Amino acid sequence: MYFVRLFQAFVAYCFIGWVMESILHTVWERKLVNRGFLNGPYVPIYGFGALLVLHVLEPFQSHWYIVFPVSIILATTLEYITGWAMEKLFHNRWWDYSMFPFNLHGRICLLFSLGWGVLCLMLVYIVSPFVNQTIMLPPQPISIVIAAVIFTVMLTDLVFTIRATVDLNKTLARLDTIGKLARARRDDFAGNIQHRLAVMTKAFVLWSGQAKGLGYIQRRLLRAFPSMKSPVYQESIDRLRTWVSKRRRPRFFLPAVKIPDLRKILDSIELPPRPVLKNPFANGKLGNRLKKGKANSRSKKK
């Protein structure tokens, strides 16, 4: 039963962290943001961080001047390790503090570290007692069922999110390849405007078709992490984020295209047929009058 109560406390801290992050970013960006790596209303890093701080600082809870600096060290270390691990696993930087002074590799900074210290003080002396009393209210059988259901939901959410993140990286690779091949083919036809237009049109159709194939989780991640950066596909991720922010989920999209096939598609550029312009006044009374007028003008010149 100890682990059930521990997991319930973990979920409570995850939910509190999600509420805090969502409110902060909703106010900052002036639009509703479902913050967090996972889709549900929970941010696991807050759950792990809260349990870590409470466990380490349990002997020092009567001395706030010890709780504050130690909690800063613990929370900042956890944030740095989490950021580094997510970059290595998913090849993207999910948050970036490079614009703040006294930052370390953009993963942590002094301002947010002080904020973690203040939040940990609130956690130890205000939030933790309330959470401990709340999780003891349900009877033991109900608590076990609730914990099992929440664990299953969070585990399923994690699996789907990881899969969507991997697919997002593949989409970024395809979009980057489309852009590079289109620019290369465009430069090859520097002296032919029709060829250049054909290349750029086909590249735009391919690019937008791949972008429209993004799923809900991928689109949500792009909105939830506006400062997410990619060391390889930064240009593509910026354009894709702008595209997602301005468009709703489309009804039709092109299926995913393998990168070798993109080269074949862009290489098979054909000249569009030259349009034949017809004179709208060629037939009818107005056309006959125009012909007579031209004939009269020629006779007068002679």
Foldseek 3Di string as FASTA:
>chain_A
DVVLLLLLQLQVQQLVVQVVLQVVVCVVVVHGARAELFNDNGHNLRSVLLVVLCVVCVVPLVPLVVSLVVSLVSSQVSQQVVQVVCCVLLQKRQAAPPVPPQADRRRDHDVVSNVSSVVSNCSSPPVVVVSSVVLVPDDPVVSVVVSVVVVVVVVVRVVVSSVLSNVVVVLLVQLVLLVVLLVVQLVVPVPPPQQNVQLVVLSVQQNVQSLLPRDPSNLSSCRNRVPMAHPPRRVSSVVSSVVSVVDDRDPHHDDDDDSVVSNVSSVPGDGDDDDDDDDPLCDDPSNVVVVVVVVVVVVVVD
